[in-house]
PDB file of all heavy atoms in Angstrom:
ATOM      1  N   TYR A   1      -8.101  -0.014   4.579  1.00  0.00           N
ATOM      2  CA  TYR A   1      -7.264  -1.210   4.569  1.00  0.00           C
ATOM      3  C   TYR A   1      -5.918  -0.914   5.219  1.00  0.00           C
ATOM      4  O   TYR A   1      -5.423   0.214   5.179  1.00  0.00           O
ATOM      5  CB  TYR A   1      -7.022  -1.680   3.127  1.00  0.00           C
ATOM      6  CG  TYR A   1      -8.280  -2.106   2.407  1.00  0.00           C
ATOM      7  CD1 TYR A   1      -9.062  -1.168   1.730  1.00  0.00           C
ATOM      8  CD2 TYR A   1      -8.688  -3.431   2.413  1.00  0.00           C
ATOM      9  CE1 TYR A   1     -10.239  -1.547   1.074  1.00  0.00           C
ATOM     10  CE2 TYR A   1      -9.855  -3.824   1.757  1.00  0.00           C
ATOM     11  CZ  TYR A   1     -10.618  -2.872   1.102  1.00  0.00           C
ATOM     12  OH  TYR A   1     -11.785  -3.254   0.454  1.00  0.00           O
ATOM     13  N   VAL A   2      -5.346  -1.955   5.823  1.00  0.00           N
ATOM     14  CA  VAL A   2      -4.074  -1.829   6.534  1.00  0.00           C
ATOM     15  C   VAL A   2      -3.059  -2.817   5.978  1.00  0.00           C
ATOM     16  O   VAL A   2      -3.403  -3.966   5.647  1.00  0.00           O
ATOM     17  CB  VAL A   2      -4.256  -2.068   8.049  1.00  0.00           C
ATOM     18  CG1 VAL A   2      -2.918  -2.250   8.744  1.00  0.00           C
ATOM     19  CG2 VAL A   2      -5.024  -0.926   8.694  1.00  0.00           C
ATOM     20  N   ALA A   3      -1.819  -2.347   5.883  1.00  0.00           N
ATOM     21  CA  ALA A   3      -0.687  -3.243   5.578  1.00  0.00           C
ATOM     22  C   ALA A   3       0.307  -3.107   6.721  1.00  0.00           C
ATOM     23  O   ALA A   3       0.558  -1.994   7.198  1.00  0.00           O
ATOM     24  CB  ALA A   3      -0.033  -2.869   4.271  1.00  0.00           C
ATOM     25  N   THR A   4       0.875  -4.218   7.172  1.00  0.00           N
ATOM     26  CA  THR A   4       1.925  -4.175   8.178  1.00  0.00           C
ATOM     27  C   THR A   4       3.129  -4.983   7.679  1.00  0.00           C
ATOM     28  O   THR A   4       2.967  -6.015   7.031  1.00  0.00           O
ATOM     29  CB  THR A   4       1.467  -4.767   9.533  1.00  0.00           C
ATOM     30  OG1 THR A   4       0.886  -6.058   9.323  1.00  0.00           O
ATOM     31  CG2 THR A   4       0.440  -3.864  10.196  1.00  0.00           C
ATOM     32  N   GLU A   5       4.306  -4.473   7.986  1.00  0.00           N
ATOM     33  CA  GLU A   5       5.522  -5.127   7.497  1.00  0.00           C
ATOM     34  C   GLU A   5       5.656  -6.560   8.005  1.00  0.00           C
ATOM     35  O   GLU A   5       6.139  -7.438   7.289  1.00  0.00           O
ATOM     36  CB  GLU A   5       6.752  -4.300   7.909  1.00  0.00           C
ATOM     37  CG  GLU A   5       6.842  -2.953   7.208  1.00  0.00           C
ATOM     38  CD  GLU A   5       8.030  -2.129   7.685  1.00  0.00           C
ATOM     39  OE1 GLU A   5       8.900  -2.693   8.367  1.00  0.00           O
ATOM     40  OE2 GLU A   5       8.079  -0.923   7.355  1.00  0.00           O
ATOM     41  N   ASP A   6       5.214  -6.784   9.259  1.00  0.00           N
ATOM     42  CA  ASP A   6       5.351  -8.134   9.828  1.00  0.00           C
ATOM     43  C   ASP A   6       4.100  -8.989   9.659  1.00  0.00           C
ATOM     44  O   ASP A   6       4.055 -10.143  10.104  1.00  0.00           O
ATOM     45  CB  ASP A   6       5.736  -8.052  11.315  1.00  0.00           C
ATOM     46  CG  ASP A   6       4.659  -7.381  12.166  1.00  0.00           C
ATOM     47  OD1 ASP A   6       3.595  -7.001  11.607  1.00  0.00           O
ATOM     48  OD2 ASP A   6       4.878  -7.245  13.380  1.00  0.00           O
ATOM     49  N   GLY A   7       3.072  -8.454   9.002  1.00  0.00           N
ATOM     50  CA  GLY A   7       1.854  -9.226   8.754  1.00  0.00           C
ATOM     51  C   GLY A   7       0.966  -9.416   9.956  1.00  0.00           C
ATOM     52  O   GLY A   7       0.018 -10.200   9.916  1.00  0.00           O
ATOM     53  N   SER A   8       1.210  -8.695  11.042  1.00  0.00           N
ATOM     54  CA  SER A   8       0.416  -8.862  12.266  1.00  0.00           C
ATOM     55  C   SER A   8      -1.008  -8.339  12.126  1.00  0.00           C
ATOM     56  O   SER A   8      -1.911  -8.799  12.818  1.00  0.00           O
ATOM     57  CB  SER A   8       1.109  -8.173  13.446  1.00  0.00           C
ATOM     58  OG  SER A   8       1.388  -6.824  13.144  1.00  0.00           O
ATOM     59  N   VAL A   9      -1.230  -7.387  11.220  1.00  0.00           N
ATOM     60  CA  VAL A   9      -2.566  -6.857  10.951  1.00  0.00           C
ATOM     61  C   VAL A   9      -2.695  -6.626   9.452  1.00  0.00           C
ATOM     62  O   VAL A   9      -1.770  -6.136   8.811  1.00  0.00           O
ATOM     63  CB  VAL A   9      -2.826  -5.521  11.694  1.00  0.00           C
ATOM     64  CG1 VAL A   9      -4.236  -5.027  11.402  1.00  0.00           C
ATOM     65  CG2 VAL A   9      -2.604  -5.667  13.187  1.00  0.00           C
ATOM     66  N   GLY A  10      -3.828  -6.992   8.903  1.00  0.00           N
ATOM     67  CA  GLY A  10      -4.073  -6.717   7.484  1.00  0.00           C
ATOM     68  C   GLY A  10      -3.142  -7.493   6.575  1.00  0.00           C
ATOM     69  O   GLY A  10      -2.748  -8.629   6.845  1.00  0.00           O
ATOM     70  N   THR A  11      -2.772  -6.852   5.480  1.00  0.00           N
ATOM     71  CA  THR A  11      -1.895  -7.466   4.489  1.00  0.00           C
ATOM     72  C   THR A  11      -0.450  -7.450   4.965  1.00  0.00           C
ATOM     73  O   THR A  11       0.028  -6.438   5.494  1.00  0.00           O
ATOM     74  CB  THR A  11      -1.982  -6.693   3.146  1.00  0.00           C
ATOM     75  OG1 THR A  11      -3.319  -6.755   2.666  1.00  0.00           O
ATOM     76  CG2 THR A  11      -1.038  -7.284   2.114  1.00  0.00           C
ATOM     77  N   LYS A  12       0.246  -8.557   4.800  1.00  0.00           N
ATOM     78  CA  LYS A  12       1.666  -8.577   5.125  1.00  0.00           C
ATOM     79  C   LYS A  12       2.437  -7.935   3.982  1.00  0.00           C
ATOM     80  O   LYS A  12       2.311  -8.318   2.819  1.00  0.00           O
ATOM     81  CB  LYS A  12       2.167 -10.011   5.332  1.00  0.00           C
ATOM     82  CG  LYS A  12       3.641 -10.064   5.711  1.00  0.00           C
ATOM     83  CD  LYS A  12       4.121 -11.475   6.019  1.00  0.00           C
ATOM     84  CE  LYS A  12       5.583 -11.459   6.445  1.00  0.00           C
ATOM     85  NZ  LYS A  12       6.090 -12.803   6.792  1.00  0.00           N
ATOM     86  N   GLY A  13       3.227  -6.916   4.323  1.00  0.00           N
ATOM     87  CA  GLY A  13       3.999  -6.224   3.308  1.00  0.00           C
ATOM     88  C   GLY A  13       3.752  -4.727   3.373  1.00  0.00           C
ATOM     89  O   GLY A  13       3.543  -4.161   4.435  1.00  0.00           O
ATOM     90  N   ASN A  14       3.747  -4.099   2.189  1.00  0.00           N
ATOM     91  CA  ASN A  14       3.580  -2.655   2.142  1.00  0.00           C
ATOM     92  C   ASN A  14       2.230  -2.283   1.531  1.00  0.00           C
ATOM     93  O   ASN A  14       1.394  -3.147   1.228  1.00  0.00           O
ATOM     94  CB  ASN A  14       4.727  -2.011   1.356  1.00  0.00           C
ATOM     95  CG  ASN A  14       4.856  -2.602  -0.049  1.00  0.00           C
ATOM     96  OD1 ASN A  14       3.862  -2.862  -0.729  1.00  0.00           O
ATOM     97  ND2 ASN A  14       6.076  -2.812  -0.503  1.00  0.00           N
ATOM     98  N   VAL A  15       2.013  -0.989   1.357  1.00  0.00           N
ATOM     99  CA  VAL A  15       0.699  -0.534   0.858  1.00  0.00           C
ATOM    100  C   VAL A  15       0.411  -1.034  -0.557  1.00  0.00           C
ATOM    101  O   VAL A  15      -0.736  -1.337  -0.887  1.00  0.00           O
ATOM    102  CB  VAL A  15       0.596   1.004   0.908  1.00  0.00           C
ATOM    103  CG1 VAL A  15       0.544   1.498   2.339  1.00  0.00           C
ATOM    104  CG2 VAL A  15       1.757   1.672   0.161  1.00  0.00           C
ATOM    105  N   MET A  16       1.447  -1.174  -1.376  1.00  0.00           N
ATOM    106  CA  MET A  16       1.231  -1.696  -2.720  1.00  0.00           C
ATOM    107  C   MET A  16       0.779  -3.149  -2.670  1.00  0.00           C
ATOM    108  O   MET A  16      -0.052  -3.582  -3.482  1.00  0.00           O
ATOM    109  CB  MET A  16       2.499  -1.548  -3.573  1.00  0.00           C
ATOM    110  CG  MET A  16       2.873  -0.129  -3.918  1.00  0.00           C
ATOM    111  SD  MET A  16       1.534   0.811  -4.709  1.00  0.00           S
ATOM    112  CE  MET A  16       1.123  -0.255  -6.091  1.00  0.00           C
ATOM    113  N   ASP A  17       1.291  -3.915  -1.714  1.00  0.00           N
ATOM    114  CA  ASP A  17       0.846  -5.299  -1.542  1.00  0.00           C
ATOM    115  C   ASP A  17      -0.629  -5.333  -1.151  1.00  0.00           C
ATOM    116  O   ASP A  17      -1.393  -6.195  -1.640  1.00  0.00           O
ATOM    117  CB  ASP A  17       1.673  -5.996  -0.454  1.00  0.00           C
ATOM    118  CG  ASP A  17       3.132  -6.168  -0.839  1.00  0.00           C
ATOM    119  OD1 ASP A  17       3.384  -6.502  -2.013  1.00  0.00           O
ATOM    120  OD2 ASP A  17       4.009  -5.952   0.019  1.00  0.00           O
ATOM    121  N   ALA A  18      -1.059  -4.392  -0.293  1.00  0.00           N
ATOM    122  CA  ALA A  18      -2.473  -4.337   0.115  1.00  0.00           C
ATOM    123  C   ALA A  18      -3.370  -3.955  -1.049  1.00  0.00           C
ATOM    124  O   ALA A  18      -4.475  -4.476  -1.194  1.00  0.00           O
ATOM    125  CB  ALA A  18      -2.643  -3.334   1.266  1.00  0.00           C
ATOM    126  N   ILE A  19      -2.891  -3.054  -1.896  1.00  0.00           N
ATOM    127  CA  ILE A  19      -3.666  -2.638  -3.067  1.00  0.00           C
ATOM    128  C   ILE A  19      -3.871  -3.818  -4.007  1.00  0.00           C
ATOM    129  O   ILE A  19      -4.979  -4.080  -4.504  1.00  0.00           O
ATOM    130  CB  ILE A  19      -2.963  -1.473  -3.796  1.00  0.00           C
ATOM    131  CG1 ILE A  19      -3.038  -0.209  -2.929  1.00  0.00           C
ATOM    132  CG2 ILE A  19      -3.584  -1.211  -5.175  1.00  0.00           C
ATOM    133  CD1 ILE A  19      -2.155   0.918  -3.400  1.00  0.00           C
ATOM    134  N   ARG A  20      -2.792  -4.571  -4.235  1.00  0.00           N
ATOM    135  CA  ARG A  20      -2.907  -5.735  -5.131  1.00  0.00           C
ATOM    136  C   ARG A  20      -3.744  -6.844  -4.516  1.00  0.00           C
ATOM    137  O   ARG A  20      -4.599  -7.444  -5.185  1.00  0.00           O
ATOM    138  CB  ARG A  20      -1.496  -6.248  -5.470  1.00  0.00           C
ATOM    139  CG  ARG A  20      -0.738  -5.359  -6.464  1.00  0.00           C
ATOM    140  CD  ARG A  20       0.558  -6.022  -6.900  1.00  0.00           C
ATOM    141  NE  ARG A  20       1.560  -5.966  -5.838  1.00  0.00           N
ATOM    142  CZ  ARG A  20       2.498  -5.019  -5.740  1.00  0.00           C
ATOM    143  NH1 ARG A  20       2.532  -4.041  -6.632  1.00  0.00           N
ATOM    144  NH2 ARG A  20       3.381  -5.043  -4.764  1.00  0.00           N
ATOM    145  N   GLU A  21      -3.543  -7.132  -3.236  1.00  0.00           N
ATOM    146  CA  GLU A  21      -4.254  -8.229  -2.576  1.00  0.00           C
ATOM    147  C   GLU A  21      -5.757  -7.982  -2.577  1.00  0.00           C
ATOM    148  O   GLU A  21      -6.557  -8.909  -2.743  1.00  0.00           O
ATOM    149  CB  GLU A  21      -3.745  -8.390  -1.144  1.00  0.00           C
ATOM    150  CG  GLU A  21      -4.443  -9.516  -0.377  1.00  0.00           C
ATOM    151  CD  GLU A  21      -3.881  -9.679   1.016  1.00  0.00           C
ATOM    152  OE1 GLU A  21      -2.761 -10.207   1.144  1.00  0.00           O
ATOM    153  OE2 GLU A  21      -4.552  -9.272   1.979  1.00  0.00           O
ATOM    154  N   ASN A  22      -6.154  -6.733  -2.368  1.00  0.00           N
ATOM    155  CA  ASN A  22      -7.586  -6.393  -2.273  1.00  0.00           C
ATOM    156  C   ASN A  22      -8.156  -5.870  -3.586  1.00  0.00           C
ATOM    157  O   ASN A  22      -9.309  -5.456  -3.645  1.00  0.00           O
ATOM    158  CB  ASN A  22      -7.791  -5.349  -1.172  1.00  0.00           C
ATOM    159  CG  ASN A  22      -7.458  -5.903   0.202  1.00  0.00           C
ATOM    160  OD1 ASN A  22      -8.216  -6.674   0.772  1.00  0.00           O
ATOM    161  ND2 ASN A  22      -6.304  -5.497   0.747  1.00  0.00           N
ATOM    162  N   GLN A  23      -7.321  -5.929  -4.643  1.00  0.00           N
ATOM    163  CA  GLN A  23      -7.729  -5.526  -5.998  1.00  0.00           C
ATOM    164  C   GLN A  23      -8.397  -4.139  -5.980  1.00  0.00           C
ATOM    165  O   GLN A  23      -9.478  -3.947  -6.520  1.00  0.00           O
ATOM    166  CB  GLN A  23      -8.667  -6.571  -6.595  1.00  0.00           C
ATOM    167  CG  GLN A  23      -8.017  -7.945  -6.730  1.00  0.00           C
ATOM    168  CD  GLN A  23      -8.947  -8.988  -7.335  1.00  0.00           C
ATOM    169  OE1 GLN A  23     -10.153  -8.995  -7.066  1.00  0.00           O
ATOM    170  NE2 GLN A  23      -8.390  -9.875  -8.156  1.00  0.00           N
ATOM    171  N   LEU A  24      -7.713  -3.204  -5.348  1.00  0.00           N
ATOM    172  CA  LEU A  24      -8.260  -1.852  -5.202  1.00  0.00           C
ATOM    173  C   LEU A  24      -7.963  -1.031  -6.449  1.00  0.00           C
ATOM    174  O   LEU A  24      -6.895  -1.146  -7.051  1.00  0.00           O
ATOM    175  CB  LEU A  24      -7.654  -1.173  -3.976  1.00  0.00           C
ATOM    176  CG  LEU A  24      -7.831  -1.916  -2.646  1.00  0.00           C
ATOM    177  CD1 LEU A  24      -7.158  -1.152  -1.518  1.00  0.00           C
ATOM    178  CD2 LEU A  24      -9.322  -2.117  -2.329  1.00  0.00           C
ATOM    179  N   GLU A  25      -8.918  -0.197  -6.807  1.00  0.00           N
ATOM    180  CA  GLU A  25      -8.764   0.667  -7.967  1.00  0.00           C
ATOM    181  C   GLU A  25      -9.269   2.068  -7.634  1.00  0.00           C
ATOM    182  O   GLU A  25     -10.094   2.242  -6.733  1.00  0.00           O
ATOM    183  CB  GLU A  25      -9.550   0.116  -9.176  1.00  0.00           C
ATOM    184  CG  GLU A  25      -9.031  -1.239  -9.661  1.00  0.00           C
ATOM    185  CD  GLU A  25      -9.829  -1.750 -10.853  1.00  0.00           C
ATOM    186  OE1 GLU A  25     -10.911  -1.187 -11.132  1.00  0.00           O
ATOM    187  OE2 GLU A  25      -9.351  -2.698 -11.506  1.00  0.00           O
ATOM    188  N   ALA A  26      -8.764   3.050  -8.371  1.00  0.00           N
ATOM    189  CA  ALA A  26      -9.197   4.428  -8.155  1.00  0.00           C
ATOM    190  C   ALA A  26      -8.882   5.258  -9.397  1.00  0.00           C
ATOM    191  O   ALA A  26      -8.093   4.848 -10.260  1.00  0.00           O
ATOM    192  CB  ALA A  26      -8.522   5.020  -6.924  1.00  0.00           C
ATOM    193  N   ASP A  27      -9.495   6.436  -9.460  1.00  0.00           N
ATOM    194  CA  ASP A  27      -9.259   7.357 -10.567  1.00  0.00           C
ATOM    195  C   ASP A  27      -8.199   8.393 -10.244  1.00  0.00           C
ATOM    196  O   ASP A  27      -7.634   9.007 -11.149  1.00  0.00           O
ATOM    197  CB  ASP A  27     -10.566   8.082 -10.920  1.00  0.00           C
ATOM    198  CG  ASP A  27     -11.713   7.137 -11.196  1.00  0.00           C
ATOM    199  OD1 ASP A  27     -11.521   6.212 -12.020  1.00  0.00           O
ATOM    200  OD2 ASP A  27     -12.794   7.291 -10.589  1.00  0.00           O
ATOM    201  N   ILE A  28      -7.962   8.606  -8.961  1.00  0.00           N
ATOM    202  CA  ILE A  28      -6.982   9.601  -8.518  1.00  0.00           C
ATOM    203  C   ILE A  28      -6.378   9.124  -7.205  1.00  0.00           C
ATOM    204  O   ILE A  28      -7.045   8.472  -6.400  1.00  0.00           O
ATOM    205  CB  ILE A  28      -7.641  10.994  -8.362  1.00  0.00           C
ATOM    206  CG1 ILE A  28      -6.584  12.062  -8.057  1.00  0.00           C
ATOM    207  CG2 ILE A  28      -8.751  10.978  -7.303  1.00  0.00           C
ATOM    208  CD1 ILE A  28      -7.126  13.489  -8.161  1.00  0.00           C
ATOM    209  N   ILE A  29      -5.091   9.408  -7.014  1.00  0.00           N
ATOM    210  CA  ILE A  29      -4.360   8.948  -5.837  1.00  0.00           C
ATOM    211  C   ILE A  29      -3.771  10.133  -5.093  1.00  0.00           C
ATOM    212  O   ILE A  29      -3.248  11.077  -5.699  1.00  0.00           O
ATOM    213  CB  ILE A  29      -3.238   7.976  -6.237  1.00  0.00           C
ATOM    214  CG1 ILE A  29      -3.808   6.652  -6.767  1.00  0.00           C
ATOM    215  CG2 ILE A  29      -2.307   7.692  -5.045  1.00  0.00           C
ATOM    216  CD1 ILE A  29      -2.764   5.718  -7.334  1.00  0.00           C
ATOM    217  N   TYR A  30      -3.868  10.064  -3.760  1.00  0.00           N
ATOM    218  CA  TYR A  30      -3.162  11.008  -2.883  1.00  0.00           C
ATOM    219  C   TYR A  30      -2.300  10.181  -1.948  1.00  0.00           C
ATOM    220  O   TYR A  30      -2.779   9.210  -1.347  1.00  0.00           O
ATOM    221  CB  TYR A  30      -4.163  11.821  -2.051  1.00  0.00           C
ATOM    222  CG  TYR A  30      -5.092  12.709  -2.839  1.00  0.00           C
ATOM    223  CD1 TYR A  30      -6.356  12.264  -3.208  1.00  0.00           C
ATOM    224  CD2 TYR A  30      -4.717  14.002  -3.205  1.00  0.00           C
ATOM    225  CE1 TYR A  30      -7.228  13.076  -3.918  1.00  0.00           C
ATOM    226  CE2 TYR A  30      -5.572  14.823  -3.900  1.00  0.00           C
ATOM    227  CZ  TYR A  30      -6.831  14.359  -4.269  1.00  0.00           C
ATOM    228  OH  TYR A  30      -7.676  15.186  -4.964  1.00  0.00           O
ATOM    229  N   ALA A  31      -1.033  10.556  -1.784  1.00  0.00           N
ATOM    230  CA  ALA A  31      -0.130   9.729  -0.975  1.00  0.00           C
ATOM    231  C   ALA A  31       0.861  10.569  -0.181  1.00  0.00           C
ATOM    232  O   ALA A  31       1.293  11.631  -0.630  1.00  0.00           O
ATOM    233  CB  ALA A  31       0.611   8.743  -1.878  1.00  0.00           C
ATOM    234  N   CYS A  32       1.220  10.038   0.982  1.00  0.00           N
ATOM    235  CA  CYS A  32       2.256  10.665   1.814  1.00  0.00           C
ATOM    236  C   CYS A  32       2.983   9.562   2.565  1.00  0.00           C
ATOM    237  O   CYS A  32       2.359   8.663   3.125  1.00  0.00           O
ATOM    238  CB  CYS A  32       1.644  11.661   2.801  1.00  0.00           C
ATOM    239  SG  CYS A  32       2.869  12.497   3.835  1.00  0.00           S
ATOM    240  N   GLY A  33       4.304   9.620   2.579  1.00  0.00           N
ATOM    241  CA  GLY A  33       5.074   8.603   3.268  1.00  0.00           C
ATOM    242  C   GLY A  33       6.527   8.630   2.860  1.00  0.00           C
ATOM    243  O   GLY A  33       6.987   9.569   2.195  1.00  0.00           O
ATOM    244  N   PRO A  34       7.284   7.597   3.221  1.00  0.00           N
ATOM    245  CA  PRO A  34       8.706   7.555   2.888  1.00  0.00           C
ATOM    246  C   PRO A  34       8.950   7.480   1.389  1.00  0.00           C
ATOM    247  O   PRO A  34       8.079   7.000   0.620  1.00  0.00           O
ATOM    248  CB  PRO A  34       9.195   6.300   3.614  1.00  0.00           C
ATOM    249  CG  PRO A  34       7.970   5.468   3.838  1.00  0.00           C
ATOM    250  CD  PRO A  34       6.850   6.438   4.013  1.00  0.00           C
ATOM    251  N   THR A  35      10.108   7.924   0.974  1.00  0.00           N
ATOM    252  CA  THR A  35      10.432   8.023  -0.463  1.00  0.00           C
ATOM    253  C   THR A  35      10.272   6.711  -1.220  1.00  0.00           C
ATOM    254  O   THR A  35       9.689   6.701  -2.312  1.00  0.00           O
ATOM    255  CB  THR A  35      11.848   8.584  -0.634  1.00  0.00           C
ATOM    256  OG1 THR A  35      11.895   9.899  -0.061  1.00  0.00           O
ATOM    257  CG2 THR A  35      12.224   8.673  -2.102  1.00  0.00           C
ATOM    258  N   PRO A  36      10.752   5.555  -0.715  1.00  0.00           N
ATOM    259  CA  PRO A  36      10.578   4.319  -1.483  1.00  0.00           C
ATOM    260  C   PRO A  36       9.109   4.010  -1.753  1.00  0.00           C
ATOM    261  O   PRO A  36       8.741   3.520  -2.832  1.00  0.00           O
ATOM    262  CB  PRO A  36      11.221   3.256  -0.586  1.00  0.00           C
ATOM    263  CG  PRO A  36      12.208   4.010   0.234  1.00  0.00           C
ATOM    264  CD  PRO A  36      11.583   5.336   0.490  1.00  0.00           C
ATOM    265  N   MET A  37       8.225   4.294  -0.780  1.00  0.00           N
ATOM    266  CA  MET A  37       6.798   4.067  -0.953  1.00  0.00           C
ATOM    267  C   MET A  37       6.247   4.980  -2.039  1.00  0.00           C
ATOM    268  O   MET A  37       5.519   4.536  -2.944  1.00  0.00           O
ATOM    269  CB  MET A  37       6.056   4.312   0.359  1.00  0.00           C
ATOM    270  CG  MET A  37       4.568   4.032   0.300  1.00  0.00           C
ATOM    271  SD  MET A  37       3.644   4.709   1.715  1.00  0.00           S
ATOM    272  CE  MET A  37       3.095   6.268   1.017  1.00  0.00           C
ATOM    273  N   LEU A  38       6.614   6.256  -1.985  1.00  0.00           N
ATOM    274  CA  LEU A  38       6.113   7.218  -2.973  1.00  0.00           C
ATOM    275  C   LEU A  38       6.630   6.903  -4.374  1.00  0.00           C
ATOM    276  O   LEU A  38       5.938   7.079  -5.361  1.00  0.00           O
ATOM    277  CB  LEU A  38       6.514   8.644  -2.581  1.00  0.00           C
ATOM    278  CG  LEU A  38       5.915   9.176  -1.277  1.00  0.00           C
ATOM    279  CD1 LEU A  38       6.366  10.602  -1.033  1.00  0.00           C
ATOM    280  CD2 LEU A  38       4.383   9.100  -1.303  1.00  0.00           C
ATOM    281  N   ARG A  39       7.850   6.396  -4.438  1.00  0.00           N
ATOM    282  CA  ARG A  39       8.421   6.014  -5.732  1.00  0.00           C
ATOM    283  C   ARG A  39       7.611   4.868  -6.352  1.00  0.00           C
ATOM    284  O   ARG A  39       7.295   4.895  -7.543  1.00  0.00           O
ATOM    285  CB  ARG A  39       9.890   5.603  -5.544  1.00  0.00           C
ATOM    286  CG  ARG A  39      10.630   5.381  -6.858  1.00  0.00           C
ATOM    287  CD  ARG A  39      12.082   5.034  -6.584  1.00  0.00           C
ATOM    288  NE  ARG A  39      12.790   6.144  -5.970  1.00  0.00           N
ATOM    289  CZ  ARG A  39      13.460   6.063  -4.831  1.00  0.00           C
ATOM    290  NH1 ARG A  39      13.505   4.919  -4.155  1.00  0.00           N
ATOM    291  NH2 ARG A  39      14.094   7.106  -4.345  1.00  0.00           N
ATOM    292  N   ALA A  40       7.252   3.892  -5.531  1.00  0.00           N
ATOM    293  CA  ALA A  40       6.471   2.748  -6.028  1.00  0.00           C
ATOM    294  C   ALA A  40       5.068   3.184  -6.451  1.00  0.00           C
ATOM    295  O   ALA A  40       4.537   2.732  -7.462  1.00  0.00           O
ATOM    296  CB  ALA A  40       6.398   1.664  -4.948  1.00  0.00           C
ATOM    297  N   ILE A  41       4.457   4.071  -5.651  1.00  0.00           N
ATOM    298  CA  ILE A  41       3.120   4.553  -5.984  1.00  0.00           C
ATOM    299  C   ILE A  41       3.127   5.371  -7.260  1.00  0.00           C
ATOM    300  O   ILE A  41       2.235   5.243  -8.104  1.00  0.00           O
ATOM    301  CB  ILE A  41       2.561   5.378  -4.795  1.00  0.00           C
ATOM    302  CG1 ILE A  41       2.298   4.474  -3.598  1.00  0.00           C
ATOM    303  CG2 ILE A  41       1.272   6.108  -5.194  1.00  0.00           C
ATOM    304  CD1 ILE A  41       2.017   5.219  -2.312  1.00  0.00           C
ATOM    305  N   SER A  42       4.135   6.221  -7.419  1.00  0.00           N
ATOM    306  CA  SER A  42       4.232   7.041  -8.621  1.00  0.00           C
ATOM    307  C   SER A  42       4.381   6.177  -9.868  1.00  0.00           C
ATOM    308  O   SER A  42       3.777   6.449 -10.906  1.00  0.00           O
ATOM    309  CB  SER A  42       5.423   8.006  -8.511  1.00  0.00           C
ATOM    310  OG  SER A  42       5.219   8.913  -7.455  1.00  0.00           O
TER     311      SER A  42
END
């Protein structure tokens, strides 16, 4: 799945918006990216 800030591809917004929009679930998470993104994921 893809998220783009301007909504040109996939979900408009960030990765957390894509997770919520597509109702994604998992048992374990691996993440890499800018600090605000990692803070939200954590």
